[in-house]
Amino acid sequence: MDWPPNSPDQSIIENAWATLEHCLNNRPRRPTTTAALFAVLQEEWAALGKEYCDALYGSIPSRVRSLILAKGRHTRY
């Protein structure tokens, strides 16, 4: 079986970006400049905390198992 060279199902950063986007969309005011966006993203990232990053990192073995069971096809991640 050919394995894809890059599997987005395994990318924990995709979850982090989705969470940051959710946080950004829930703010009462959206940033209007690139600098303001950068500042808000830094603030939201810091608010996520180490536990969030640990949980994402801890999900990697489960992601790999799911990908193996799915024979390289799409997984729930």
C-alpha atoms as a PDB file:
ATOM      1  CA  MET A   1       0.000   0.000   0.000  1.00  0.00           C
ATOM      2  CA  ASP A   2       1.256   3.472  -0.827  1.00  0.00           C
ATOM      3  CA  TRP A   3       1.396   5.793   2.167  1.00  0.00           C
ATOM      4  CA  PRO A   4       0.698   9.471   1.705  1.00  0.00           C
ATOM      5  CA  PRO A   5       3.827  11.587   2.228  1.00  0.00           C
ATOM      6  CA  ASN A   6       1.865  14.011   4.391  1.00  0.00           C
ATOM      7  CA  SER A   7      -1.193  13.113   6.420  1.00  0.00           C
ATOM      8  CA  PRO A   8      -3.263  16.020   7.751  1.00  0.00           C
ATOM      9  CA  ASP A   9      -5.024  13.522  10.033  1.00  0.00           C
ATOM     10  CA  GLN A  10      -1.836  13.389  12.087  1.00  0.00           C
ATOM     11  CA  SER A  11      -1.239  17.119  12.365  1.00  0.00           C
ATOM     12  CA  ILE A  12      -2.003  18.336  15.877  1.00  0.00           C
ATOM     13  CA  ILE A  13      -1.343  21.905  14.766  1.00  0.00           C
ATOM     14  CA  GLU A  14      -4.574  21.759  12.749  1.00  0.00           C
ATOM     15  CA  ASN A  15      -6.471  21.322  16.025  1.00  0.00           C
ATOM     16  CA  ALA A  16      -4.575  24.208  17.583  1.00  0.00           C
ATOM     17  CA  TRP A  17      -5.388  26.506  14.649  1.00  0.00           C
ATOM     18  CA  ALA A  18      -9.062  25.520  14.801  1.00  0.00           C
ATOM     19  CA  THR A  19      -9.153  26.261  18.528  1.00  0.00           C
ATOM     20  CA  LEU A  20      -7.471  29.629  18.021  1.00  0.00           C
ATOM     21  CA  GLU A  21      -9.929  30.455  15.246  1.00  0.00           C
ATOM     22  CA  HIS A  22     -12.811  29.557  17.564  1.00  0.00           C
ATOM     23  CA  CYS A  23     -11.367  31.796  20.293  1.00  0.00           C
ATOM     24  CA  LEU A  24     -10.909  34.621  17.797  1.00  0.00           C
ATOM     25  CA  ASN A  25     -14.483  34.307  16.543  1.00  0.00           C
ATOM     26  CA  ASN A  26     -15.831  34.429  20.106  1.00  0.00           C
ATOM     27  CA  ARG A  27     -14.175  37.747  20.907  1.00  0.00           C
ATOM     28  CA  PRO A  28     -16.508  40.754  21.093  1.00  0.00           C
ATOM     29  CA  ARG A  29     -14.312  42.707  18.663  1.00  0.00           C
ATOM     30  CA  ARG A  30     -12.182  41.280  15.921  1.00  0.00           C
ATOM     31  CA  PRO A  31      -8.726  42.724  15.303  1.00  0.00           C
ATOM     32  CA  THR A  32      -8.553  45.146  12.383  1.00  0.00           C
ATOM     33  CA  THR A  33      -4.810  45.156  11.721  1.00  0.00           C
ATOM     34  CA  THR A  34      -2.195  42.475  11.269  1.00  0.00           C
ATOM     35  CA  ALA A  35      -0.396  43.653  14.399  1.00  0.00           C
ATOM     36  CA  ALA A  36      -3.620  43.471  16.422  1.00  0.00           C
ATOM     37  CA  LEU A  37      -4.358  39.997  15.055  1.00  0.00           C
ATOM     38  CA  PHE A  38      -0.883  38.833  16.023  1.00  0.00           C
ATOM     39  CA  ALA A  39      -1.305  40.250  19.535  1.00  0.00           C
ATOM     40  CA  VAL A  40      -4.724  38.611  19.966  1.00  0.00           C
ATOM     41  CA  LEU A  41      -3.449  35.252  18.724  1.00  0.00           C
ATOM     42  CA  GLN A  42      -0.528  35.428  21.150  1.00  0.00           C
ATOM     43  CA  GLU A  43      -2.931  36.241  23.982  1.00  0.00           C
ATOM     44  CA  GLU A  44      -5.294  33.397  23.077  1.00  0.00           C
ATOM     45  CA  TRP A  45      -2.409  30.948  22.652  1.00  0.00           C
ATOM     46  CA  ALA A  46      -1.095  31.815  26.115  1.00  0.00           C
ATOM     47  CA  ALA A  47      -4.605  31.382  27.536  1.00  0.00           C
ATOM     48  CA  LEU A  48      -4.839  27.840  26.150  1.00  0.00           C
ATOM     49  CA  GLY A  49      -2.141  26.797  28.569  1.00  0.00           C
ATOM     50  CA  LYS A  50       0.331  23.973  28.845  1.00  0.00           C
ATOM     51  CA  GLU A  51      -2.407  21.433  29.574  1.00  0.00           C
ATOM     52  CA  TYR A  52      -3.951  22.041  26.148  1.00  0.00           C
ATOM     53  CA  CYS A  53      -0.614  21.449  24.420  1.00  0.00           C
ATOM     54  CA  ASP A  54       0.035  18.379  26.564  1.00  0.00           C
ATOM     55  CA  ALA A  55      -3.370  16.956  25.601  1.00  0.00           C
ATOM     56  CA  LEU A  56      -2.690  17.505  21.894  1.00  0.00           C
ATOM     57  CA  TYR A  57       0.751  15.959  22.172  1.00  0.00           C
ATOM     58  CA  GLY A  58      -0.695  13.072  24.188  1.00  0.00           C
ATOM     59  CA  SER A  59      -3.178  12.351  21.389  1.00  0.00           C
ATOM     60  CA  ILE A  60      -0.435  11.455  18.906  1.00  0.00           C
ATOM     61  CA  PRO A  61      -0.255   7.716  19.772  1.00  0.00           C
ATOM     62  CA  SER A  62      -4.029   7.437  19.407  1.00  0.00           C
ATOM     63  CA  ARG A  63      -3.858   9.275  16.075  1.00  0.00           C
ATOM     64  CA  VAL A  64      -1.195   6.884  14.816  1.00  0.00           C
ATOM     65  CA  ARG A  65      -3.219   3.836  15.925  1.00  0.00           C
ATOM     66  CA  SER A  66      -6.305   5.223  14.178  1.00  0.00           C
ATOM     67  CA  LEU A  67      -4.370   5.815  10.985  1.00  0.00           C
ATOM     68  CA  ILE A  68      -2.956   2.289  11.062  1.00  0.00           C
ATOM     69  CA  LEU A  69      -6.408   0.792  11.665  1.00  0.00           C
ATOM     70  CA  ALA A  70      -7.813   2.921   8.824  1.00  0.00           C
ATOM     71  CA  LYS A  71      -5.006   1.623   6.581  1.00  0.00           C
ATOM     72  CA  GLY A  72      -3.846   5.149   5.855  1.00  0.00           C
ATOM     73  CA  ARG A  73      -7.287   6.461   5.025  1.00  0.00           C
ATOM     74  CA  HIS A  74      -9.241   9.218   6.733  1.00  0.00           C
ATOM     75  CA  THR A  75      -9.605   9.040  10.513  1.00  0.00           C
ATOM     76  CA  ARG A  76     -11.792  10.888  12.988  1.00  0.00           C
ATOM     77  CA  TYR A  77      -8.976  13.298  13.804  1.00  0.00           C
END
